[in-house]
PDB file of all heavy atoms in Angstrom:
ATOM      1  N   MET A   1       0.088  -6.127   3.122  1.00  0.00           N
ATOM      2  CA  MET A   1      -1.312  -6.086   2.564  1.00  0.00           C
ATOM      3  C   MET A   1      -1.691  -7.443   1.949  1.00  0.00           C
ATOM      4  O   MET A   1      -1.083  -7.967   1.076  1.00  0.00           O
ATOM      5  CB  MET A   1      -1.211  -4.938   1.402  1.00  0.00           C
ATOM      6  CG  MET A   1      -2.498  -4.181   1.362  1.00  0.00           C
ATOM      7  SD  MET A   1      -3.995  -4.981   1.125  1.00  0.00           S
ATOM      8  CE  MET A   1      -3.876  -5.657  -0.564  1.00  0.00           C
ATOM      9  N   ASN A   2      -2.788  -7.977   2.485  1.00  0.00           N
ATOM     10  CA  ASN A   2      -3.398  -9.175   1.986  1.00  0.00           C
ATOM     11  C   ASN A   2      -4.787  -8.817   1.491  1.00  0.00           C
ATOM     12  O   ASN A   2      -5.165  -9.230   0.428  1.00  0.00           O
ATOM     13  CB  ASN A   2      -3.376 -10.290   2.992  1.00  0.00           C
ATOM     14  CG  ASN A   2      -3.968 -11.574   2.515  1.00  0.00           C
ATOM     15  OD1 ASN A   2      -3.489 -11.879   1.339  1.00  0.00           O
ATOM     16  ND2 ASN A   2      -4.828 -12.232   3.206  1.00  0.00           N
ATOM     17  N   SER A   3      -5.643  -8.084   2.356  1.00  0.00           N
ATOM     18  CA  SER A   3      -6.910  -7.668   1.996  1.00  0.00           C
ATOM     19  C   SER A   3      -7.152  -6.264   2.621  1.00  0.00           C
ATOM     20  O   SER A   3      -6.578  -5.920   3.585  1.00  0.00           O
ATOM     21  CB  SER A   3      -7.981  -8.630   2.427  1.00  0.00           C
ATOM     22  OG  SER A   3      -7.837  -9.961   1.957  1.00  0.00           O
ATOM     23  N   ALA A   4      -8.105  -5.642   1.879  1.00  0.00           N
ATOM     24  CA  ALA A   4      -8.433  -4.277   2.496  1.00  0.00           C
ATOM     25  C   ALA A   4      -9.811  -3.894   2.208  1.00  0.00           C
ATOM     26  O   ALA A   4     -10.404  -4.270   1.210  1.00  0.00           O
ATOM     27  CB  ALA A   4      -7.493  -3.146   1.755  1.00  0.00           C
ATOM     28  N   VAL A   5     -10.389  -3.006   3.092  1.00  0.00           N
ATOM     29  CA  VAL A   5     -11.775  -2.482   2.921  1.00  0.00           C
ATOM     30  C   VAL A   5     -11.790  -1.166   3.399  1.00  0.00           C
ATOM     31  O   VAL A   5     -11.130  -0.717   4.334  1.00  0.00           O
ATOM     32  CB  VAL A   5     -12.806  -3.325   3.917  1.00  0.00           C
ATOM     33  CG1 VAL A   5     -14.121  -2.783   3.780  1.00  0.00           C
ATOM     34  CG2 VAL A   5     -12.833  -4.839   3.590  1.00  0.00           C
ATOM     35  N   ALA A   6     -12.384  -0.314   2.683  1.00  0.00           N
ATOM     36  CA  ALA A   6     -12.519   1.185   2.979  1.00  0.00           C
ATOM     37  C   ALA A   6     -13.747   1.506   3.700  1.00  0.00           C
ATOM     38  O   ALA A   6     -14.859   1.044   3.417  1.00  0.00           O
ATOM     39  CB  ALA A   6     -12.494   1.999   1.552  1.00  0.00           C
ATOM     40  N   TYR A   7     -13.660   2.290   4.725  1.00  0.00           N
ATOM     41  CA  TYR A   7     -14.696   2.923   5.532  1.00  0.00           C
ATOM     42  C   TYR A   7     -14.649   4.403   5.654  1.00  0.00           C
ATOM     43  O   TYR A   7     -13.899   4.914   6.519  1.00  0.00           O
ATOM     44  CB  TYR A   7     -14.846   2.311   6.976  1.00  0.00           C
ATOM     45  CG  TYR A   7     -15.059   0.736   6.995  1.00  0.00           C
ATOM     46  CD1 TYR A   7     -14.086  -0.203   7.189  1.00  0.00           C
ATOM     47  CD2 TYR A   7     -16.513   0.325   6.810  1.00  0.00           C
ATOM     48  CE1 TYR A   7     -14.392  -1.445   7.025  1.00  0.00           C
ATOM     49  CE2 TYR A   7     -16.739  -0.969   6.690  1.00  0.00           C
ATOM     50  CZ  TYR A   7     -15.632  -1.944   6.968  1.00  0.00           C
ATOM     51  OH  TYR A   7     -16.002  -3.195   6.958  1.00  0.00           O
ATOM     52  N   GLY A   8     -15.235   5.195   4.683  1.00  0.00           N
ATOM     53  CA  GLY A   8     -15.036   6.575   4.643  1.00  0.00           C
ATOM     54  C   GLY A   8     -13.625   6.979   4.438  1.00  0.00           C
ATOM     55  O   GLY A   8     -12.956   6.501   3.412  1.00  0.00           O
ATOM     56  N   ASP A   9     -13.117   7.685   5.394  1.00  0.00           N
ATOM     57  CA  ASP A   9     -11.674   8.159   5.291  1.00  0.00           C
ATOM     58  C   ASP A   9     -10.700   7.153   5.750  1.00  0.00           C
ATOM     59  O   ASP A   9      -9.375   7.507   5.737  1.00  0.00           O
ATOM     60  CB  ASP A   9     -11.432   9.533   6.029  1.00  0.00           C
ATOM     61  CG  ASP A   9     -12.183  10.622   5.447  1.00  0.00           C
ATOM     62  OD1 ASP A   9     -12.481  10.587   4.222  1.00  0.00           O
ATOM     63  OD2 ASP A   9     -12.570  11.678   6.085  1.00  0.00           O
ATOM     64  N   TYR A  10     -11.161   5.942   6.184  1.00  0.00           N
ATOM     65  CA  TYR A  10     -10.280   5.051   6.865  1.00  0.00           C
ATOM     66  C   TYR A  10     -10.223   3.759   6.062  1.00  0.00           C
ATOM     67  O   TYR A  10     -11.150   3.377   5.412  1.00  0.00           O
ATOM     68  CB  TYR A  10     -10.698   4.708   8.290  1.00  0.00           C
ATOM     69  CG  TYR A  10     -10.656   5.896   9.273  1.00  0.00           C
ATOM     70  CD1 TYR A  10     -11.687   6.790   9.244  1.00  0.00           C
ATOM     71  CD2 TYR A  10      -9.520   6.020   9.985  1.00  0.00           C
ATOM     72  CE1 TYR A  10     -11.620   7.971  10.157  1.00  0.00           C
ATOM     73  CE2 TYR A  10      -9.545   7.167  10.964  1.00  0.00           C
ATOM     74  CZ  TYR A  10     -10.466   7.974  10.955  1.00  0.00           C
ATOM     75  OH  TYR A  10     -10.340   9.104  11.983  1.00  0.00           O
ATOM     76  N   LEU A  11      -8.994   3.156   6.192  1.00  0.00           N
ATOM     77  CA  LEU A  11      -8.715   1.891   5.538  1.00  0.00           C
ATOM     78  C   LEU A  11      -8.547   0.867   6.658  1.00  0.00           C
ATOM     79  O   LEU A  11      -7.742   1.064   7.592  1.00  0.00           O
ATOM     80  CB  LEU A  11      -7.497   1.957   4.539  1.00  0.00           C
ATOM     81  CG  LEU A  11      -7.669   2.741   3.326  1.00  0.00           C
ATOM     82  CD1 LEU A  11      -6.343   2.863   2.632  1.00  0.00           C
ATOM     83  CD2 LEU A  11      -8.661   2.065   2.369  1.00  0.00           C
ATOM     84  N   TYR A  12      -9.221  -0.369   6.529  1.00  0.00           N
ATOM     85  CA  TYR A  12      -8.950  -1.447   7.340  1.00  0.00           C
ATOM     86  C   TYR A  12      -8.214  -2.490   6.411  1.00  0.00           C
ATOM     87  O   TYR A  12      -8.614  -3.011   5.462  1.00  0.00           O
ATOM     88  CB  TYR A  12     -10.216  -2.129   7.840  1.00  0.00           C
ATOM     89  CG  TYR A  12     -11.005  -1.247   8.840  1.00  0.00           C
ATOM     90  CD1 TYR A  12     -11.185   0.035   8.775  1.00  0.00           C
ATOM     91  CD2 TYR A  12     -11.490  -1.935  10.015  1.00  0.00           C
ATOM     92  CE1 TYR A  12     -11.640   0.785   9.670  1.00  0.00           C
ATOM     93  CE2 TYR A  12     -12.185  -1.141  10.940  1.00  0.00           C
ATOM     94  CZ  TYR A  12     -12.167   0.184  10.793  1.00  0.00           C
ATOM     95  OH  TYR A  12     -12.904   0.936  11.864  1.00  0.00           O
ATOM     96  N   ILE A  13      -6.920  -2.716   6.919  1.00  0.00           N
ATOM     97  CA  ILE A  13      -5.996  -3.531   5.979  1.00  0.00           C
ATOM     98  C   ILE A  13      -5.518  -4.776   6.773  1.00  0.00           C
ATOM     99  O   ILE A  13      -4.981  -4.584   7.942  1.00  0.00           O
ATOM    100  CB  ILE A  13      -4.740  -2.670   5.528  1.00  0.00           C
ATOM    101  CG1 ILE A  13      -5.366  -1.607   4.711  1.00  0.00           C
ATOM    102  CG2 ILE A  13      -3.886  -3.634   4.832  1.00  0.00           C
ATOM    103  CD1 ILE A  13      -4.230  -0.739   4.154  1.00  0.00           C
ATOM    104  N   GLU A  14      -5.672  -5.968   6.281  1.00  0.00           N
ATOM    105  CA  GLU A  14      -5.207  -7.163   6.838  1.00  0.00           C
ATOM    106  C   GLU A  14      -3.846  -7.594   6.181  1.00  0.00           C
ATOM    107  O   GLU A  14      -3.703  -7.588   5.015  1.00  0.00           O
ATOM    108  CB  GLU A  14      -6.260  -8.332   6.613  1.00  0.00           C
ATOM    109  CG  GLU A  14      -5.830  -9.567   7.246  1.00  0.00           C
ATOM    110  CD  GLU A  14      -6.844 -10.766   6.994  1.00  0.00           C
ATOM    111  OE1 GLU A  14      -7.327 -10.811   5.909  1.00  0.00           O
ATOM    112  OE2 GLU A  14      -6.989 -11.558   8.010  1.00  0.00           O
ATOM    113  N   ASP A  15      -2.889  -7.678   7.037  1.00  0.00           N
ATOM    114  CA  ASP A  15      -1.537  -8.131   6.476  1.00  0.00           C
ATOM    115  C   ASP A  15      -1.365  -9.599   6.218  1.00  0.00           C
ATOM    116  O   ASP A  15      -2.337 -10.455   6.500  1.00  0.00           O
ATOM    117  CB  ASP A  15      -0.376  -7.518   7.337  1.00  0.00           C
ATOM    118  CG  ASP A  15      -0.241  -8.159   8.586  1.00  0.00           C
ATOM    119  OD1 ASP A  15      -0.812  -9.345   8.950  1.00  0.00           O
ATOM    120  OD2 ASP A  15       0.228  -7.442   9.519  1.00  0.00           O
ATOM    121  N   ARG A  16      -0.272  -9.987   5.827  1.00  0.00           N
ATOM    122  CA  ARG A  16      -0.078 -11.515   5.431  1.00  0.00           C
ATOM    123  C   ARG A  16       0.213 -12.321   6.660  1.00  0.00           C
ATOM    124  O   ARG A  16       0.357 -13.562   6.660  1.00  0.00           O
ATOM    125  CB  ARG A  16       0.933 -11.565   4.467  1.00  0.00           C
ATOM    126  CG  ARG A  16       0.414 -10.963   3.117  1.00  0.00           C
ATOM    127  CD  ARG A  16       1.477 -11.060   2.008  1.00  0.00           C
ATOM    128  NE  ARG A  16       1.040 -10.390   0.936  1.00  0.00           N
ATOM    129  CZ  ARG A  16       0.498 -10.857  -0.222  1.00  0.00           C
ATOM    130  NH1 ARG A  16       0.198 -12.068  -0.409  1.00  0.00           N
ATOM    131  NH2 ARG A  16       0.179 -10.039  -1.302  1.00  0.00           N
ATOM    132  N   SER A  17       0.063 -11.607   7.845  1.00  0.00           N
ATOM    133  CA  SER A  17       0.196 -12.379   9.219  1.00  0.00           C
ATOM    134  C   SER A  17      -1.235 -12.331   9.817  1.00  0.00           C
ATOM    135  O   SER A  17      -1.285 -12.712  11.030  1.00  0.00           O
ATOM    136  CB  SER A  17       1.261 -11.782  10.045  1.00  0.00           C
ATOM    137  OG  SER A  17       2.446 -11.724   9.450  1.00  0.00           O
ATOM    138  N   ASP A  18      -2.142 -12.035   9.089  1.00  0.00           N
ATOM    139  CA  ASP A  18      -3.726 -12.099   9.604  1.00  0.00           C
ATOM    140  C   ASP A  18      -3.882 -10.796  10.659  1.00  0.00           C
ATOM    141  O   ASP A  18      -4.959 -11.004  11.304  1.00  0.00           O
ATOM    142  CB  ASP A  18      -3.998 -13.344  10.118  1.00  0.00           C
ATOM    143  CG  ASP A  18      -3.903 -14.501   9.126  1.00  0.00           C
ATOM    144  OD1 ASP A  18      -4.251 -14.143   7.942  1.00  0.00           O
ATOM    145  OD2 ASP A  18      -3.601 -15.615   9.471  1.00  0.00           O
ATOM    146  N   VAL A  19      -3.031  -9.884  10.769  1.00  0.00           N
ATOM    147  CA  VAL A  19      -3.120  -8.797  11.636  1.00  0.00           C
ATOM    148  C   VAL A  19      -4.003  -7.637  11.022  1.00  0.00           C
ATOM    149  O   VAL A  19      -3.595  -7.343   9.793  1.00  0.00           O
ATOM    150  CB  VAL A  19      -1.912  -8.143  12.204  1.00  0.00           C
ATOM    151  CG1 VAL A  19      -2.110  -6.932  13.111  1.00  0.00           C
ATOM    152  CG2 VAL A  19      -1.270  -9.214  13.063  1.00  0.00           C
ATOM    153  N   ILE A  20      -5.103  -7.170  11.510  1.00  0.00           N
ATOM    154  CA  ILE A  20      -5.841  -6.133  10.885  1.00  0.00           C
ATOM    155  C   ILE A  20      -5.640  -4.780  11.450  1.00  0.00           C
ATOM    156  O   ILE A  20      -5.979  -4.687  12.686  1.00  0.00           O
ATOM    157  CB  ILE A  20      -7.424  -6.536  10.909  1.00  0.00           C
ATOM    158  CG1 ILE A  20      -7.600  -7.953  10.231  1.00  0.00           C
ATOM    159  CG2 ILE A  20      -8.277  -5.398  10.168  1.00  0.00           C
ATOM    160  CD1 ILE A  20      -9.038  -8.367  10.548  1.00  0.00           C
ATOM    161  N   SER A  21      -5.106  -3.950  10.716  1.00  0.00           N
ATOM    162  CA  SER A  21      -4.766  -2.635  11.163  1.00  0.00           C
ATOM    163  C   SER A  21      -5.707  -1.604  10.570  1.00  0.00           C
ATOM    164  O   SER A  21      -6.266  -1.760   9.499  1.00  0.00           O
ATOM    165  CB  SER A  21      -3.310  -2.181  10.815  1.00  0.00           C
ATOM    166  OG  SER A  21      -2.447  -3.121  11.347  1.00  0.00           O
ATOM    167  N   ILE A  22      -5.969  -0.464  11.252  1.00  0.00           N
ATOM    168  CA  ILE A  22      -6.775   0.678  10.852  1.00  0.00           C
ATOM    169  C   ILE A  22      -5.792   1.790  10.566  1.00  0.00           C
ATOM    170  O   ILE A  22      -5.023   2.177  11.339  1.00  0.00           O
ATOM    171  CB  ILE A  22      -7.779   1.098  11.969  1.00  0.00           C
ATOM    172  CG1 ILE A  22      -8.717  -0.104  12.343  1.00  0.00           C
ATOM    173  CG2 ILE A  22      -8.670   2.181  11.453  1.00  0.00           C
ATOM    174  CD1 ILE A  22      -9.548   0.122  13.567  1.00  0.00           C
ATOM    175  N   TYR A  23      -6.057   2.329   9.285  1.00  0.00           N
ATOM    176  CA  TYR A  23      -5.253   3.469   8.916  1.00  0.00           C
ATOM    177  C   TYR A  23      -6.098   4.721   8.660  1.00  0.00           C
ATOM    178  O   TYR A  23      -7.279   4.566   8.074  1.00  0.00           O
ATOM    179  CB  TYR A  23      -4.397   3.132   7.551  1.00  0.00           C
ATOM    180  CG  TYR A  23      -3.362   2.041   7.756  1.00  0.00           C
ATOM    181  CD1 TYR A  23      -3.812   0.719   7.706  1.00  0.00           C
ATOM    182  CD2 TYR A  23      -2.044   2.386   7.938  1.00  0.00           C
ATOM    183  CE1 TYR A  23      -2.838  -0.212   7.723  1.00  0.00           C
ATOM    184  CE2 TYR A  23      -1.100   1.398   8.205  1.00  0.00           C
ATOM    185  CZ  TYR A  23      -1.479   0.036   8.062  1.00  0.00           C
ATOM    186  OH  TYR A  23      -0.398  -0.904   8.142  1.00  0.00           O
ATOM    187  N   ASP A  24      -5.588   5.987   8.904  1.00  0.00           N
ATOM    188  CA  ASP A  24      -6.227   7.123   8.652  1.00  0.00           C
ATOM    189  C   ASP A  24      -6.079   7.552   7.197  1.00  0.00           C
ATOM    190  O   ASP A  24      -5.391   6.962   6.525  1.00  0.00           O
ATOM    191  CB  ASP A  24      -6.104   8.229   9.748  1.00  0.00           C
ATOM    192  CG  ASP A  24      -4.657   8.758   9.709  1.00  0.00           C
ATOM    193  OD1 ASP A  24      -3.907   8.468   8.761  1.00  0.00           O
ATOM    194  OD2 ASP A  24      -4.339   9.458  10.708  1.00  0.00           O
ATOM    195  N   ALA A  25      -6.532   8.815   6.926  1.00  0.00           N
ATOM    196  CA  ALA A  25      -6.420   9.365   5.681  1.00  0.00           C
ATOM    197  C   ALA A  25      -4.968   9.691   5.150  1.00  0.00           C
ATOM    198  O   ALA A  25      -4.754  10.037   3.959  1.00  0.00           O
ATOM    199  CB  ALA A  25      -7.253  10.577   5.400  1.00  0.00           C
ATOM    200  N   THR A  26      -4.105   9.701   6.164  1.00  0.00           N
ATOM    201  CA  THR A  26      -2.723   9.972   5.776  1.00  0.00           C
ATOM    202  C   THR A  26      -1.913   8.647   5.734  1.00  0.00           C
ATOM    203  O   THR A  26      -0.608   8.542   5.612  1.00  0.00           O
ATOM    204  CB  THR A  26      -1.988  10.884   6.894  1.00  0.00           C
ATOM    205  OG1 THR A  26      -2.040  10.244   8.136  1.00  0.00           O
ATOM    206  CG2 THR A  26      -2.763  12.189   6.861  1.00  0.00           C
ATOM    207  N   LEU A  27      -2.576   7.427   5.931  1.00  0.00           N
ATOM    208  CA  LEU A  27      -1.995   6.074   5.874  1.00  0.00           C
ATOM    209  C   LEU A  27      -1.169   6.007   7.208  1.00  0.00           C
ATOM    210  O   LEU A  27      -0.176   5.204   7.230  1.00  0.00           O
ATOM    211  CB  LEU A  27      -1.136   5.853   4.681  1.00  0.00           C
ATOM    212  CG  LEU A  27      -1.104   4.345   4.409  1.00  0.00           C
ATOM    213  CD1 LEU A  27      -2.360   3.620   4.087  1.00  0.00           C
ATOM    214  CD2 LEU A  27      -0.170   4.010   3.159  1.00  0.00           C
ATOM    215  N   THR A  28      -1.649   6.593   8.283  1.00  0.00           N
ATOM    216  CA  THR A  28      -0.934   6.530   9.490  1.00  0.00           C
ATOM    217  C   THR A  28      -1.879   5.363  10.356  1.00  0.00           C
ATOM    218  O   THR A  28      -2.979   5.482  10.412  1.00  0.00           O
ATOM    219  CB  THR A  28      -0.949   7.704  10.347  1.00  0.00           C
ATOM    220  OG1 THR A  28      -0.222   8.673   9.614  1.00  0.00           O
ATOM    221  CG2 THR A  28      -0.352   7.504  11.818  1.00  0.00           C
ATOM    222  N   LYS A  29      -1.180   4.451  10.882  1.00  0.00           N
ATOM    223  CA  LYS A  29      -1.849   3.296  11.678  1.00  0.00           C
ATOM    224  C   LYS A  29      -2.423   3.973  12.888  1.00  0.00           C
ATOM    225  O   LYS A  29      -1.538   4.582  13.719  1.00  0.00           O
ATOM    226  CB  LYS A  29      -0.892   2.236  11.910  1.00  0.00           C
ATOM    227  CG  LYS A  29      -1.525   0.975  12.728  1.00  0.00           C
ATOM    228  CD  LYS A  29      -0.583  -0.118  12.925  1.00  0.00           C
ATOM    229  CE  LYS A  29      -1.131  -1.257  13.559  1.00  0.00           C
ATOM    230  NZ  LYS A  29      -0.240  -2.429  13.832  1.00  0.00           N
ATOM    231  N   VAL A  30      -3.616   3.800  13.128  1.00  0.00           N
ATOM    232  CA  VAL A  30      -4.296   4.433  14.497  1.00  0.00           C
ATOM    233  C   VAL A  30      -4.855   3.350  15.282  1.00  0.00           C
ATOM    234  O   VAL A  30      -5.475   3.631  16.359  1.00  0.00           O
ATOM    235  CB  VAL A  30      -5.446   5.297  13.929  1.00  0.00           C
ATOM    236  CG1 VAL A  30      -4.834   6.599  13.239  1.00  0.00           C
ATOM    237  CG2 VAL A  30      -6.507   4.763  13.113  1.00  0.00           C
ATOM    238  N   GLY A  31      -4.808   2.034  14.786  1.00  0.00           N
ATOM    239  CA  GLY A  31      -5.308   1.058  15.727  1.00  0.00           C
ATOM    240  C   GLY A  31      -5.486  -0.281  15.017  1.00  0.00           C
ATOM    241  O   GLY A  31      -5.051  -0.477  13.897  1.00  0.00           O
ATOM    242  N   GLU A  32      -5.957  -1.342  15.798  1.00  0.00           N
ATOM    243  CA  GLU A  32      -6.112  -2.606  15.231  1.00  0.00           C
ATOM    244  C   GLU A  32      -7.479  -3.114  15.617  1.00  0.00           C
ATOM    245  O   GLU A  32      -8.193  -2.533  16.534  1.00  0.00           O
ATOM    246  CB  GLU A  32      -5.093  -3.674  15.820  1.00  0.00           C
ATOM    247  CG  GLU A  32      -3.553  -3.346  15.413  1.00  0.00           C
ATOM    248  CD  GLU A  32      -2.672  -4.322  15.998  1.00  0.00           C
ATOM    249  OE1 GLU A  32      -3.086  -5.325  16.605  1.00  0.00           O
ATOM    250  OE2 GLU A  32      -1.401  -4.284  15.598  1.00  0.00           O
ATOM    251  N   THR A  33      -8.033  -4.142  14.864  1.00  0.00           N
ATOM    252  CA  THR A  33      -9.323  -4.732  15.091  1.00  0.00           C
ATOM    253  C   THR A  33      -9.303  -6.217  14.670  1.00  0.00           C
ATOM    254  O   THR A  33      -8.388  -6.715  14.170  1.00  0.00           O
ATOM    255  CB  THR A  33     -10.358  -3.932  14.165  1.00  0.00           C
ATOM    256  OG1 THR A  33     -11.633  -4.440  14.424  1.00  0.00           O
ATOM    257  CG2 THR A  33     -10.110  -4.119  12.799  1.00  0.00           C
ATOM    258  N   ASP A  34     -10.406  -6.898  14.968  1.00  0.00           N
ATOM    259  CA  ASP A  34     -10.500  -8.357  14.748  1.00  0.00           C
ATOM    260  C   ASP A  34     -11.175  -8.604  13.376  1.00  0.00           C
ATOM    261  O   ASP A  34     -11.147  -9.812  12.918  1.00  0.00           O
ATOM    262  CB  ASP A  34     -11.208  -8.934  15.942  1.00  0.00           C
ATOM    263  CG  ASP A  34     -10.594  -8.780  17.225  1.00  0.00           C
ATOM    264  OD1 ASP A  34      -9.316  -8.904  17.247  1.00  0.00           O
ATOM    265  OD2 ASP A  34     -11.268  -8.726  18.217  1.00  0.00           O
ATOM    266  N   SER A  35     -11.861  -7.701  12.881  1.00  0.00           N
ATOM    267  CA  SER A  35     -12.679  -7.972  11.557  1.00  0.00           C
ATOM    268  C   SER A  35     -12.458  -6.941  10.588  1.00  0.00           C
ATOM    269  O   SER A  35     -12.504  -5.748  10.918  1.00  0.00           O
ATOM    270  CB  SER A  35     -14.105  -8.152  11.938  1.00  0.00           C
ATOM    271  OG  SER A  35     -14.836  -8.379  10.831  1.00  0.00           O
ATOM    272  N   LEU A  36     -12.300  -7.431   9.343  1.00  0.00           N
ATOM    273  CA  LEU A  36     -12.344  -6.365   8.228  1.00  0.00           C
ATOM    274  C   LEU A  36     -13.618  -5.859   7.927  1.00  0.00           C
ATOM    275  O   LEU A  36     -13.847  -4.781   7.370  1.00  0.00           O
ATOM    276  CB  LEU A  36     -11.800  -7.157   6.932  1.00  0.00           C
ATOM    277  CG  LEU A  36     -10.276  -7.111   6.671  1.00  0.00           C
ATOM    278  CD1 LEU A  36     -10.078  -7.936   5.335  1.00  0.00           C
ATOM    279  CD2 LEU A  36      -9.739  -5.775   6.433  1.00  0.00           C
ATOM    280  N   TYR A  37     -14.658  -6.518   8.318  1.00  0.00           N
ATOM    281  CA  TYR A  37     -16.034  -6.276   7.874  1.00  0.00           C
ATOM    282  C   TYR A  37     -16.919  -5.561   8.841  1.00  0.00           C
ATOM    283  O   TYR A  37     -18.132  -5.389   8.623  1.00  0.00           O
ATOM    284  CB  TYR A  37     -16.643  -7.472   7.430  1.00  0.00           C
ATOM    285  CG  TYR A  37     -15.767  -8.073   6.305  1.00  0.00           C
ATOM    286  CD1 TYR A  37     -15.063  -9.256   6.612  1.00  0.00           C
ATOM    287  CD2 TYR A  37     -15.542  -7.526   5.019  1.00  0.00           C
ATOM    288  CE1 TYR A  37     -14.156  -9.773   5.608  1.00  0.00           C
ATOM    289  CE2 TYR A  37     -14.733  -8.144   4.138  1.00  0.00           C
ATOM    290  CZ  TYR A  37     -14.122  -9.082   4.409  1.00  0.00           C
ATOM    291  OH  TYR A  37     -13.262  -9.675   3.502  1.00  0.00           O
ATOM    292  N   ASP A  38     -16.336  -5.113  10.057  1.00  0.00           N
ATOM    293  CA  ASP A  38     -17.187  -4.335  10.989  1.00  0.00           C
ATOM    294  C   ASP A  38     -16.309  -3.074  11.344  1.00  0.00           C
ATOM    295  O   ASP A  38     -15.251  -3.322  11.990  1.00  0.00           O
ATOM    296  CB  ASP A  38     -17.515  -5.043  12.282  1.00  0.00           C
ATOM    297  CG  ASP A  38     -18.635  -6.085  11.894  1.00  0.00           C
ATOM    298  OD1 ASP A  38     -19.574  -5.753  11.178  1.00  0.00           O
ATOM    299  OD2 ASP A  38     -18.648  -7.232  12.429  1.00  0.00           O
ATOM    300  N   ALA A  39     -16.827  -1.956  11.165  1.00  0.00           N
ATOM    301  CA  ALA A  39     -16.121  -0.776  11.566  1.00  0.00           C
ATOM    302  C   ALA A  39     -16.771  -0.127  12.834  1.00  0.00           C
ATOM    303  O   ALA A  39     -16.350   0.925  13.292  1.00  0.00           O
ATOM    304  CB  ALA A  39     -16.109   0.207  10.530  1.00  0.00           C
TER     305      ALA A  39
END
């Protein structure tokens, strides 16, 4: 965890290696993306 943004039931979390992962409401990783600020 380096930065995080919430979009409804989902969390977009950038780790300290600059990888941005998408987590669902159970904190299960469901995907990756290139930006914290576009869902």
